[in-house]
PDB file of all heavy atoms in Angstrom:
ATOM      1  N   GLY A   1      17.825   4.065   9.678  1.00  0.00           N
ATOM      2  CA  GLY A   1      18.384   3.531   8.469  1.00  0.00           C
ATOM      3  C   GLY A   1      18.438   1.967   8.458  1.00  0.00           C
ATOM      4  O   GLY A   1      18.102   1.321   7.439  1.00  0.00           O
ATOM      5  N   ALA A   2      18.952   1.436   9.584  1.00  0.00           N
ATOM      6  CA  ALA A   2      19.017  -0.045   9.694  1.00  0.00           C
ATOM      7  C   ALA A   2      17.689  -0.659   9.584  1.00  0.00           C
ATOM      8  O   ALA A   2      17.509  -1.747   8.986  1.00  0.00           O
ATOM      9  CB  ALA A   2      19.763  -0.363  10.957  1.00  0.00           C
ATOM     10  N   MET A   3      16.654  -0.033  10.185  1.00  0.00           N
ATOM     11  CA  MET A   3      15.323  -0.617  10.199  1.00  0.00           C
ATOM     12  C   MET A   3      14.778  -0.643   8.707  1.00  0.00           C
ATOM     13  O   MET A   3      14.241  -1.603   8.273  1.00  0.00           O
ATOM     14  CB  MET A   3      14.424   0.142  11.145  1.00  0.00           C
ATOM     15  CG  MET A   3      14.672   0.003  12.570  1.00  0.00           C
ATOM     16  SD  MET A   3      13.650   1.045  13.593  1.00  0.00           S
ATOM     17  CE  MET A   3      14.442   0.823  15.182  1.00  0.00           C
ATOM     18  N   LEU A   4      14.959   0.512   8.144  1.00  0.00           N
ATOM     19  CA  LEU A   4      14.382   0.682   6.735  1.00  0.00           C
ATOM     20  C   LEU A   4      15.175  -0.280   5.749  1.00  0.00           C
ATOM     21  O   LEU A   4      14.578  -0.837   4.816  1.00  0.00           O
ATOM     22  CB  LEU A   4      14.562   2.153   6.311  1.00  0.00           C
ATOM     23  CG  LEU A   4      13.686   3.158   7.020  1.00  0.00           C
ATOM     24  CD1 LEU A   4      13.936   4.518   6.499  1.00  0.00           C
ATOM     25  CD2 LEU A   4      12.252   2.793   6.967  1.00  0.00           C
ATOM     26  N   ASP A   5      16.503  -0.392   5.899  1.00  0.00           N
ATOM     27  CA  ASP A   5      17.240  -1.384   5.141  1.00  0.00           C
ATOM     28  C   ASP A   5      16.673  -2.811   5.278  1.00  0.00           C
ATOM     29  O   ASP A   5      16.553  -3.494   4.283  1.00  0.00           O
ATOM     30  CB  ASP A   5      18.731  -1.361   5.474  1.00  0.00           C
ATOM     31  CG  ASP A   5      19.437  -0.124   5.013  1.00  0.00           C
ATOM     32  OD1 ASP A   5      18.869   0.656   4.137  1.00  0.00           O
ATOM     33  OD2 ASP A   5      20.566   0.121   5.528  1.00  0.00           O
ATOM     34  N   ALA A   6      16.309  -3.148   6.481  1.00  0.00           N
ATOM     35  CA  ALA A   6      15.793  -4.511   6.761  1.00  0.00           C
ATOM     36  C   ALA A   6      14.439  -4.671   6.009  1.00  0.00           C
ATOM     37  O   ALA A   6      14.182  -5.700   5.384  1.00  0.00           O
ATOM     38  CB  ALA A   6      15.668  -4.768   8.225  1.00  0.00           C
ATOM     39  N   LEU A   7      13.654  -3.572   6.088  1.00  0.00           N
ATOM     40  CA  LEU A   7      12.267  -3.623   5.473  1.00  0.00           C
ATOM     41  C   LEU A   7      12.464  -3.775   3.920  1.00  0.00           C
ATOM     42  O   LEU A   7      11.821  -4.546   3.327  1.00  0.00           O
ATOM     43  CB  LEU A   7      11.543  -2.406   5.821  1.00  0.00           C
ATOM     44  CG  LEU A   7      11.033  -2.190   7.162  1.00  0.00           C
ATOM     45  CD1 LEU A   7      10.492  -0.770   7.429  1.00  0.00           C
ATOM     46  CD2 LEU A   7       9.960  -3.268   7.503  1.00  0.00           C
ATOM     47  N   ARG A   8      13.445  -3.070   3.367  1.00  0.00           N
ATOM     48  CA  ARG A   8      13.620  -3.193   1.888  1.00  0.00           C
ATOM     49  C   ARG A   8      14.115  -4.550   1.496  1.00  0.00           C
ATOM     50  O   ARG A   8      13.809  -5.119   0.486  1.00  0.00           O
ATOM     51  CB  ARG A   8      14.690  -2.175   1.481  1.00  0.00           C
ATOM     52  CG  ARG A   8      14.169  -0.738   1.433  1.00  0.00           C
ATOM     53  CD  ARG A   8      15.227   0.191   0.842  1.00  0.00           C
ATOM     54  NE  ARG A   8      14.791   1.583   1.344  1.00  0.00           N
ATOM     55  CZ  ARG A   8      15.408   2.294   2.221  1.00  0.00           C
ATOM     56  NH1 ARG A   8      16.537   1.775   2.812  1.00  0.00           N
ATOM     57  NH2 ARG A   8      14.947   3.463   2.543  1.00  0.00           N
ATOM     58  N   ARG A   9      15.021  -5.103   2.345  1.00  0.00           N
ATOM     59  CA  ARG A   9      15.487  -6.540   1.986  1.00  0.00           C
ATOM     60  C   ARG A   9      14.405  -7.525   2.098  1.00  0.00           C
ATOM     61  O   ARG A   9      14.431  -8.470   1.259  1.00  0.00           O
ATOM     62  CB  ARG A   9      16.527  -6.923   3.107  1.00  0.00           C
ATOM     63  CG  ARG A   9      17.913  -6.442   2.855  1.00  0.00           C
ATOM     64  CD  ARG A   9      18.957  -7.083   3.715  1.00  0.00           C
ATOM     65  NE  ARG A   9      18.640  -7.225   5.117  1.00  0.00           N
ATOM     66  CZ  ARG A   9      18.941  -6.291   6.006  1.00  0.00           C
ATOM     67  NH1 ARG A   9      19.614  -5.153   5.787  1.00  0.00           N
ATOM     68  NH2 ARG A   9      18.608  -6.411   7.307  1.00  0.00           N
ATOM     69  N   MET A  10      13.441  -7.401   2.939  1.00  0.00           N
ATOM     70  CA  MET A  10      12.392  -8.267   3.027  1.00  0.00           C
ATOM     71  C   MET A  10      11.187  -8.124   2.075  1.00  0.00           C
ATOM     72  O   MET A  10      10.324  -8.937   1.992  1.00  0.00           O
ATOM     73  CB  MET A  10      11.795  -8.325   4.499  1.00  0.00           C
ATOM     74  CG  MET A  10      12.783  -8.829   5.487  1.00  0.00           C
ATOM     75  SD  MET A  10      13.268 -10.511   5.392  1.00  0.00           S
ATOM     76  CE  MET A  10      11.717 -11.311   5.725  1.00  0.00           C
ATOM     77  N   ASP A  11      11.208  -6.962   1.418  1.00  0.00           N
ATOM     78  CA  ASP A  11      10.077  -6.623   0.532  1.00  0.00           C
ATOM     79  C   ASP A  11      10.189  -7.474  -0.681  1.00  0.00           C
ATOM     80  O   ASP A  11      11.255  -7.419  -1.332  1.00  0.00           O
ATOM     81  CB  ASP A  11      10.071  -5.158   0.230  1.00  0.00           C
ATOM     82  CG  ASP A  11       8.803  -4.672  -0.388  1.00  0.00           C
ATOM     83  OD1 ASP A  11       7.952  -5.514  -0.703  1.00  0.00           O
ATOM     84  OD2 ASP A  11       8.642  -3.390  -0.639  1.00  0.00           O
ATOM     85  N   THR A  12       9.190  -8.198  -1.077  1.00  0.00           N
ATOM     86  CA  THR A  12       9.200  -9.077  -2.281  1.00  0.00           C
ATOM     87  C   THR A  12       8.802  -8.360  -3.498  1.00  0.00           C
ATOM     88  O   THR A  12       8.819  -8.836  -4.638  1.00  0.00           O
ATOM     89  CB  THR A  12       8.257 -10.298  -1.955  1.00  0.00           C
ATOM     90  OG1 THR A  12       6.972  -9.793  -1.707  1.00  0.00           O
ATOM     91  CG2 THR A  12       8.764 -11.151  -0.861  1.00  0.00           C
ATOM     92  N   LEU A  13       8.221  -7.139  -3.355  1.00  0.00           N
ATOM     93  CA  LEU A  13       7.753  -6.349  -4.455  1.00  0.00           C
ATOM     94  C   LEU A  13       8.901  -5.454  -5.026  1.00  0.00           C
ATOM     95  O   LEU A  13       9.695  -4.953  -4.255  1.00  0.00           O
ATOM     96  CB  LEU A  13       6.548  -5.499  -4.065  1.00  0.00           C
ATOM     97  CG  LEU A  13       5.304  -6.188  -3.554  1.00  0.00           C
ATOM     98  CD1 LEU A  13       4.215  -5.166  -3.156  1.00  0.00           C
ATOM     99  CD2 LEU A  13       4.775  -7.069  -4.533  1.00  0.00           C
ATOM    100  N   THR A  14       8.829  -5.212  -6.365  1.00  0.00           N
ATOM    101  CA  THR A  14       9.711  -4.251  -6.929  1.00  0.00           C
ATOM    102  C   THR A  14       9.270  -2.840  -6.597  1.00  0.00           C
ATOM    103  O   THR A  14       8.125  -2.680  -6.099  1.00  0.00           O
ATOM    104  CB  THR A  14       9.719  -4.418  -8.509  1.00  0.00           C
ATOM    105  OG1 THR A  14       8.435  -4.035  -8.984  1.00  0.00           O
ATOM    106  CG2 THR A  14      10.066  -5.817  -8.962  1.00  0.00           C
ATOM    107  N   ARG A  15      10.021  -1.912  -6.948  1.00  0.00           N
ATOM    108  CA  ARG A  15       9.715  -0.484  -6.641  1.00  0.00           C
ATOM    109  C   ARG A  15       8.404  -0.086  -7.366  1.00  0.00           C
ATOM    110  O   ARG A  15       7.497   0.506  -6.766  1.00  0.00           O
ATOM    111  CB  ARG A  15      10.755   0.445  -7.025  1.00  0.00           C
ATOM    112  CG  ARG A  15      10.424   1.914  -6.672  1.00  0.00           C
ATOM    113  CD  ARG A  15      11.671   2.745  -7.018  1.00  0.00           C
ATOM    114  NE  ARG A  15      12.499   2.730  -5.832  1.00  0.00           N
ATOM    115  CZ  ARG A  15      13.648   3.429  -5.681  1.00  0.00           C
ATOM    116  NH1 ARG A  15      14.069   4.173  -6.658  1.00  0.00           N
ATOM    117  NH2 ARG A  15      14.370   3.383  -4.585  1.00  0.00           N
ATOM    118  N   ASP A  16       8.223  -0.474  -8.581  1.00  0.00           N
ATOM    119  CA  ASP A  16       7.040  -0.139  -9.398  1.00  0.00           C
ATOM    120  C   ASP A  16       5.890  -0.868  -8.714  1.00  0.00           C
ATOM    121  O   ASP A  16       4.743  -0.291  -8.644  1.00  0.00           O
ATOM    122  CB  ASP A  16       7.190  -0.600 -10.850  1.00  0.00           C
ATOM    123  CG  ASP A  16       8.158   0.289 -11.659  1.00  0.00           C
ATOM    124  OD1 ASP A  16       8.363   1.419 -11.145  1.00  0.00           O
ATOM    125  OD2 ASP A  16       8.586  -0.045 -12.740  1.00  0.00           O
ATOM    126  N   GLU A  17       6.016  -2.191  -8.432  1.00  0.00           N
ATOM    127  CA  GLU A  17       4.908  -2.898  -7.797  1.00  0.00           C
ATOM    128  C   GLU A  17       4.540  -2.221  -6.470  1.00  0.00           C
ATOM    129  O   GLU A  17       3.292  -2.170  -6.134  1.00  0.00           O
ATOM    130  CB  GLU A  17       5.267  -4.380  -7.582  1.00  0.00           C
ATOM    131  CG  GLU A  17       5.374  -5.175  -8.883  1.00  0.00           C
ATOM    132  CD  GLU A  17       5.965  -6.517  -8.719  1.00  0.00           C
ATOM    133  OE1 GLU A  17       6.776  -6.734  -7.755  1.00  0.00           O
ATOM    134  OE2 GLU A  17       5.738  -7.446  -9.535  1.00  0.00           O
ATOM    135  N   ARG A  18       5.465  -1.825  -5.674  1.00  0.00           N
ATOM    136  CA  ARG A  18       5.202  -1.212  -4.414  1.00  0.00           C
ATOM    137  C   ARG A  18       4.415   0.035  -4.633  1.00  0.00           C
ATOM    138  O   ARG A  18       3.473   0.420  -3.933  1.00  0.00           O
ATOM    139  CB  ARG A  18       6.551  -0.919  -3.651  1.00  0.00           C
ATOM    140  CG  ARG A  18       6.410  -0.069  -2.396  1.00  0.00           C
ATOM    141  CD  ARG A  18       5.679  -0.717  -1.223  1.00  0.00           C
ATOM    142  NE  ARG A  18       6.048  -1.975  -1.048  1.00  0.00           N
ATOM    143  CZ  ARG A  18       5.251  -2.988  -0.596  1.00  0.00           C
ATOM    144  NH1 ARG A  18       3.980  -2.705  -0.371  1.00  0.00           N
ATOM    145  NH2 ARG A  18       5.656  -4.157  -0.368  1.00  0.00           N
ATOM    146  N   GLY A  19       4.715   0.861  -5.666  1.00  0.00           N
ATOM    147  CA  GLY A  19       3.984   2.082  -5.950  1.00  0.00           C
ATOM    148  C   GLY A  19       2.612   1.753  -6.305  1.00  0.00           C
ATOM    149  O   GLY A  19       1.675   2.532  -5.893  1.00  0.00           O
ATOM    150  N   ARG A  20       2.399   0.796  -7.131  1.00  0.00           N
ATOM    151  CA  ARG A  20       0.999   0.447  -7.493  1.00  0.00           C
ATOM    152  C   ARG A  20       0.196  -0.083  -6.343  1.00  0.00           C
ATOM    153  O   ARG A  20      -0.907   0.292  -6.230  1.00  0.00           O
ATOM    154  CB  ARG A  20       1.064  -0.686  -8.611  1.00  0.00           C
ATOM    155  CG  ARG A  20       1.496  -0.133  -9.980  1.00  0.00           C
ATOM    156  CD  ARG A  20       1.270  -1.105 -11.108  1.00  0.00           C
ATOM    157  NE  ARG A  20       1.953  -2.374 -10.967  1.00  0.00           N
ATOM    158  CZ  ARG A  20       3.194  -2.688 -11.563  1.00  0.00           C
ATOM    159  NH1 ARG A  20       3.757  -1.767 -12.236  1.00  0.00           N
ATOM    160  NH2 ARG A  20       3.639  -3.834 -11.299  1.00  0.00           N
ATOM    161  N   PHE A  21       0.867  -0.856  -5.467  1.00  0.00           N
ATOM    162  CA  PHE A  21       0.254  -1.371  -4.321  1.00  0.00           C
ATOM    163  C   PHE A  21      -0.156  -0.138  -3.425  1.00  0.00           C
ATOM    164  O   PHE A  21      -1.361  -0.186  -2.848  1.00  0.00           O
ATOM    165  CB  PHE A  21       1.137  -2.371  -3.543  1.00  0.00           C
ATOM    166  CG  PHE A  21       0.598  -2.824  -2.248  1.00  0.00           C
ATOM    167  CD1 PHE A  21      -0.315  -3.957  -2.275  1.00  0.00           C
ATOM    168  CD2 PHE A  21       0.983  -2.270  -1.042  1.00  0.00           C
ATOM    169  CE1 PHE A  21      -0.816  -4.314  -1.092  1.00  0.00           C
ATOM    170  CE2 PHE A  21       0.397  -2.649   0.201  1.00  0.00           C
ATOM    171  CZ  PHE A  21      -0.455  -3.790   0.218  1.00  0.00           C
ATOM    172  N   ASN A  22       0.741   0.737  -3.156  1.00  0.00           N
ATOM    173  CA  ASN A  22       0.396   1.928  -2.390  1.00  0.00           C
ATOM    174  C   ASN A  22      -0.836   2.710  -2.925  1.00  0.00           C
ATOM    175  O   ASN A  22      -1.621   3.139  -2.189  1.00  0.00           O
ATOM    176  CB  ASN A  22       1.619   2.792  -2.146  1.00  0.00           C
ATOM    177  CG  ASN A  22       2.620   2.135  -1.291  1.00  0.00           C
ATOM    178  OD1 ASN A  22       2.344   1.245  -0.440  1.00  0.00           O
ATOM    179  ND2 ASN A  22       3.920   2.585  -1.362  1.00  0.00           N
ATOM    180  N   ARG A  23      -0.749   2.882  -4.249  1.00  0.00           N
ATOM    181  CA  ARG A  23      -1.840   3.616  -4.875  1.00  0.00           C
ATOM    182  C   ARG A  23      -3.185   2.884  -4.625  1.00  0.00           C
ATOM    183  O   ARG A  23      -4.223   3.566  -4.374  1.00  0.00           O
ATOM    184  CB  ARG A  23      -1.546   3.674  -6.386  1.00  0.00           C
ATOM    185  CG  ARG A  23      -2.571   4.583  -7.177  1.00  0.00           C
ATOM    186  CD  ARG A  23      -1.980   4.781  -8.574  1.00  0.00           C
ATOM    187  NE  ARG A  23      -3.146   5.151  -9.410  1.00  0.00           N
ATOM    188  CZ  ARG A  23      -3.421   4.584 -10.522  1.00  0.00           C
ATOM    189  NH1 ARG A  23      -2.667   3.660 -11.025  1.00  0.00           N
ATOM    190  NH2 ARG A  23      -4.505   4.951 -11.280  1.00  0.00           N
ATOM    191  N   LEU A  24      -3.208   1.594  -4.797  1.00  0.00           N
ATOM    192  CA  LEU A  24      -4.381   0.792  -4.548  1.00  0.00           C
ATOM    193  C   LEU A  24      -4.796   0.862  -3.140  1.00  0.00           C
ATOM    194  O   LEU A  24      -6.013   1.105  -2.834  1.00  0.00           O
ATOM    195  CB  LEU A  24      -4.059  -0.675  -5.021  1.00  0.00           C
ATOM    196  CG  LEU A  24      -5.239  -1.632  -5.093  1.00  0.00           C
ATOM    197  CD1 LEU A  24      -5.043  -2.659  -6.283  1.00  0.00           C
ATOM    198  CD2 LEU A  24      -5.341  -2.430  -3.750  1.00  0.00           C
ATOM    199  N   GLU A  25      -3.855   0.753  -2.260  1.00  0.00           N
ATOM    200  CA  GLU A  25      -4.254   0.757  -0.837  1.00  0.00           C
ATOM    201  C   GLU A  25      -4.810   2.189  -0.367  1.00  0.00           C
ATOM    202  O   GLU A  25      -5.725   2.245   0.382  1.00  0.00           O
ATOM    203  CB  GLU A  25      -2.980   0.504   0.023  1.00  0.00           C
ATOM    204  CG  GLU A  25      -3.264   0.204   1.475  1.00  0.00           C
ATOM    205  CD  GLU A  25      -2.068  -0.333   2.261  1.00  0.00           C
ATOM    206  OE1 GLU A  25      -1.073   0.469   2.285  1.00  0.00           O
ATOM    207  OE2 GLU A  25      -2.093  -1.425   2.686  1.00  0.00           O
ATOM    208  N   LYS A  26      -4.184   3.196  -0.953  1.00  0.00           N
ATOM    209  CA  LYS A  26      -4.665   4.588  -0.607  1.00  0.00           C
ATOM    210  C   LYS A  26      -6.144   4.816  -1.155  1.00  0.00           C
ATOM    211  O   LYS A  26      -6.974   5.411  -0.460  1.00  0.00           O
ATOM    212  CB  LYS A  26      -3.768   5.643  -1.063  1.00  0.00           C
ATOM    213  CG  LYS A  26      -2.510   5.781  -0.363  1.00  0.00           C
ATOM    214  CD  LYS A  26      -1.574   6.838  -0.920  1.00  0.00           C
ATOM    215  CE  LYS A  26      -0.200   6.789  -0.156  1.00  0.00           C
ATOM    216  NZ  LYS A  26       0.707   7.770  -0.682  1.00  0.00           N
ATOM    217  N   ALA A  27      -6.379   4.323  -2.355  1.00  0.00           N
ATOM    218  CA  ALA A  27      -7.690   4.413  -2.937  1.00  0.00           C
ATOM    219  C   ALA A  27      -8.711   3.749  -2.037  1.00  0.00           C
ATOM    220  O   ALA A  27      -9.767   4.229  -1.796  1.00  0.00           O
ATOM    221  CB  ALA A  27      -7.753   3.912  -4.358  1.00  0.00           C
ATOM    222  N   GLU A  28      -8.359   2.511  -1.681  1.00  0.00           N
ATOM    223  CA  GLU A  28      -9.245   1.707  -0.809  1.00  0.00           C
ATOM    224  C   GLU A  28      -9.498   2.349   0.523  1.00  0.00           C
ATOM    225  O   GLU A  28     -10.681   2.432   1.016  1.00  0.00           O
ATOM    226  CB  GLU A  28      -8.682   0.338  -0.644  1.00  0.00           C
ATOM    227  CG  GLU A  28      -9.594  -0.655  -0.025  1.00  0.00           C
ATOM    228  CD  GLU A  28      -9.118  -2.144   0.017  1.00  0.00           C
ATOM    229  OE1 GLU A  28      -8.230  -2.417  -0.882  1.00  0.00           O
ATOM    230  OE2 GLU A  28      -9.589  -2.885   0.908  1.00  0.00           O
ATOM    231  N   GLN A  29      -8.433   2.842   1.156  1.00  0.00           N
ATOM    232  CA  GLN A  29      -8.633   3.472   2.507  1.00  0.00           C
ATOM    233  C   GLN A  29      -9.456   4.747   2.393  1.00  0.00           C
ATOM    234  O   GLN A  29     -10.332   5.020   3.237  1.00  0.00           O
ATOM    235  CB  GLN A  29      -7.262   3.818   3.000  1.00  0.00           C
ATOM    236  CG  GLN A  29      -6.491   2.632   3.495  1.00  0.00           C
ATOM    237  CD  GLN A  29      -5.057   3.028   3.926  1.00  0.00           C
ATOM    238  OE1 GLN A  29      -4.560   4.132   3.785  1.00  0.00           O
ATOM    239  NE2 GLN A  29      -4.345   2.045   4.544  1.00  0.00           N
ATOM    240  N   SER A  30      -9.258   5.561   1.286  1.00  0.00           N
ATOM    241  CA  SER A  30      -9.933   6.772   1.138  1.00  0.00           C
ATOM    242  C   SER A  30     -11.427   6.510   0.933  1.00  0.00           C
ATOM    243  O   SER A  30     -12.263   7.133   1.525  1.00  0.00           O
ATOM    244  CB  SER A  30      -9.370   7.546  -0.127  1.00  0.00           C
ATOM    245  OG  SER A  30     -10.130   8.707  -0.377  1.00  0.00           O
ATOM    246  N   LEU A  31     -11.744   5.553   0.030  1.00  0.00           N
ATOM    247  CA  LEU A  31     -13.172   5.197  -0.220  1.00  0.00           C
ATOM    248  C   LEU A  31     -13.779   4.670   1.066  1.00  0.00           C
ATOM    249  O   LEU A  31     -14.946   4.824   1.347  1.00  0.00           O
ATOM    250  CB  LEU A  31     -13.236   4.275  -1.402  1.00  0.00           C
ATOM    251  CG  LEU A  31     -13.104   4.761  -2.769  1.00  0.00           C
ATOM    252  CD1 LEU A  31     -13.089   3.694  -3.808  1.00  0.00           C
ATOM    253  CD2 LEU A  31     -14.193   5.682  -3.006  1.00  0.00           C
ATOM    254  N   THR A  32     -13.089   3.828   1.786  1.00  0.00           N
ATOM    255  CA  THR A  32     -13.685   3.255   3.029  1.00  0.00           C
ATOM    256  C   THR A  32     -14.088   4.389   3.988  1.00  0.00           C
ATOM    257  O   THR A  32     -15.118   4.435   4.595  1.00  0.00           O
ATOM    258  CB  THR A  32     -12.719   2.334   3.683  1.00  0.00           C
ATOM    259  OG1 THR A  32     -12.384   1.247   2.876  1.00  0.00           O
ATOM    260  CG2 THR A  32     -13.167   1.808   5.053  1.00  0.00           C
ATOM    261  N   GLY A  33     -13.169   5.456   4.088  1.00  0.00           N
ATOM    262  CA  GLY A  33     -13.551   6.552   4.956  1.00  0.00           C
ATOM    263  C   GLY A  33     -14.699   7.339   4.365  1.00  0.00           C
ATOM    264  O   GLY A  33     -15.596   7.766   5.134  1.00  0.00           O
ATOM    265  N   GLN A  34     -14.789   7.552   3.131  1.00  0.00           N
ATOM    266  CA  GLN A  34     -15.955   8.304   2.530  1.00  0.00           C
ATOM    267  C   GLN A  34     -17.241   7.537   2.610  1.00  0.00           C
ATOM    268  O   GLN A  34     -18.258   8.086   2.871  1.00  0.00           O
ATOM    269  CB  GLN A  34     -15.604   8.572   1.000  1.00  0.00           C
ATOM    270  CG  GLN A  34     -14.492   9.630   0.820  1.00  0.00           C
ATOM    271  CD  GLN A  34     -14.111   9.587  -0.687  1.00  0.00           C
ATOM    272  OE1 GLN A  34     -14.716   9.153  -1.510  1.00  0.00           O
ATOM    273  NE2 GLN A  34     -12.949  10.362  -0.956  1.00  0.00           N
ATOM    274  N   LEU A  35     -17.191   6.243   2.373  1.00  0.00           N
ATOM    275  CA  LEU A  35     -18.385   5.466   2.228  1.00  0.00           C
ATOM    276  C   LEU A  35     -18.884   4.871   3.564  1.00  0.00           C
ATOM    277  O   LEU A  35     -20.049   4.510   3.777  1.00  0.00           O
ATOM    278  CB  LEU A  35     -18.136   4.264   1.309  1.00  0.00           C
ATOM    279  CG  LEU A  35     -17.822   4.693  -0.188  1.00  0.00           C
ATOM    280  CD1 LEU A  35     -17.490   3.428  -0.946  1.00  0.00           C
ATOM    281  CD2 LEU A  35     -19.011   5.473  -0.880  1.00  0.00           C
ATOM    282  N   GLY A  36     -17.883   4.756   4.479  1.00  0.00           N
ATOM    283  CA  GLY A  36     -18.295   4.208   5.769  1.00  0.00           C
ATOM    284  C   GLY A  36     -18.388   2.626   5.748  1.00  0.00           C
ATOM    285  O   GLY A  36     -18.915   2.084   6.594  1.00  0.00           O
ATOM    286  N   ARG A  37     -17.835   2.048   4.675  1.00  0.00           N
ATOM    287  CA  ARG A  37     -17.894   0.651   4.458  1.00  0.00           C
ATOM    288  C   ARG A  37     -16.750   0.271   3.507  1.00  0.00           C
ATOM    289  O   ARG A  37     -16.275   1.146   2.787  1.00  0.00           O
ATOM    290  CB  ARG A  37     -19.232   0.145   3.979  1.00  0.00           C
ATOM    291  CG  ARG A  37     -19.528   0.821   2.591  1.00  0.00           C
ATOM    292  CD  ARG A  37     -20.759   0.173   1.853  1.00  0.00           C
ATOM    293  NE  ARG A  37     -21.120   1.032   0.725  1.00  0.00           N
ATOM    294  CZ  ARG A  37     -20.510   0.921  -0.515  1.00  0.00           C
ATOM    295  NH1 ARG A  37     -19.450   0.105  -0.650  1.00  0.00           N
ATOM    296  NH2 ARG A  37     -20.925   1.710  -1.534  1.00  0.00           N
ATOM    297  N   PRO A  38     -16.414  -1.111   3.414  1.00  0.00           N
ATOM    298  CA  PRO A  38     -15.385  -1.446   2.358  1.00  0.00           C
ATOM    299  C   PRO A  38     -16.010  -1.209   1.015  1.00  0.00           C
ATOM    300  O   PRO A  38     -17.104  -1.538   0.704  1.00  0.00           O
ATOM    301  CB  PRO A  38     -15.204  -2.936   2.680  1.00  0.00           C
ATOM    302  CG  PRO A  38     -15.691  -3.103   4.130  1.00  0.00           C
ATOM    303  CD  PRO A  38     -16.757  -2.139   4.344  1.00  0.00           C
ATOM    304  N   PRO A  39     -15.215  -0.568   0.200  1.00  0.00           N
ATOM    305  CA  PRO A  39     -15.690  -0.263  -1.185  1.00  0.00           C
ATOM    306  C   PRO A  39     -15.653  -1.569  -2.087  1.00  0.00           C
ATOM    307  O   PRO A  39     -14.932  -2.553  -1.793  1.00  0.00           O
ATOM    308  CB  PRO A  39     -14.601   0.699  -1.735  1.00  0.00           C
ATOM    309  CG  PRO A  39     -13.427   0.412  -0.964  1.00  0.00           C
ATOM    310  CD  PRO A  39     -13.871  -0.002   0.396  1.00  0.00           C
ATOM    311  N   THR A  40     -16.489  -1.525  -3.146  1.00  0.00           N
ATOM    312  CA  THR A  40     -16.506  -2.655  -4.066  1.00  0.00           C
ATOM    313  C   THR A  40     -15.363  -2.527  -5.047  1.00  0.00           C
ATOM    314  O   THR A  40     -14.667  -1.422  -5.138  1.00  0.00           O
ATOM    315  CB  THR A  40     -17.821  -2.657  -4.913  1.00  0.00           C
ATOM    316  OG1 THR A  40     -17.803  -1.521  -5.683  1.00  0.00           O
ATOM    317  CG2 THR A  40     -19.041  -2.690  -3.968  1.00  0.00           C
ATOM    318  N   GLU A  41     -15.088  -3.576  -5.690  1.00  0.00           N
ATOM    319  CA  GLU A  41     -13.982  -3.469  -6.724  1.00  0.00           C
ATOM    320  C   GLU A  41     -14.211  -2.424  -7.761  1.00  0.00           C
ATOM    321  O   GLU A  41     -13.358  -1.820  -8.200  1.00  0.00           O
ATOM    322  CB  GLU A  41     -13.752  -4.885  -7.329  1.00  0.00           C
ATOM    323  CG  GLU A  41     -13.218  -5.850  -6.415  1.00  0.00           C
ATOM    324  CD  GLU A  41     -13.119  -7.328  -6.954  1.00  0.00           C
ATOM    325  OE1 GLU A  41     -13.803  -7.598  -8.037  1.00  0.00           O
ATOM    326  OE2 GLU A  41     -12.252  -8.096  -6.491  1.00  0.00           O
TER     327      GLU A  41
END
């Protein structure tokens, strides 16, 4: 809990922005795995 609290304090993104960032990151990782290369925009 203390570790997670510190992470939350240092996070500059709002909860909504964090959710969008995670969605974007997951899509990029998934495509990289499928394509075997970094995906295009």
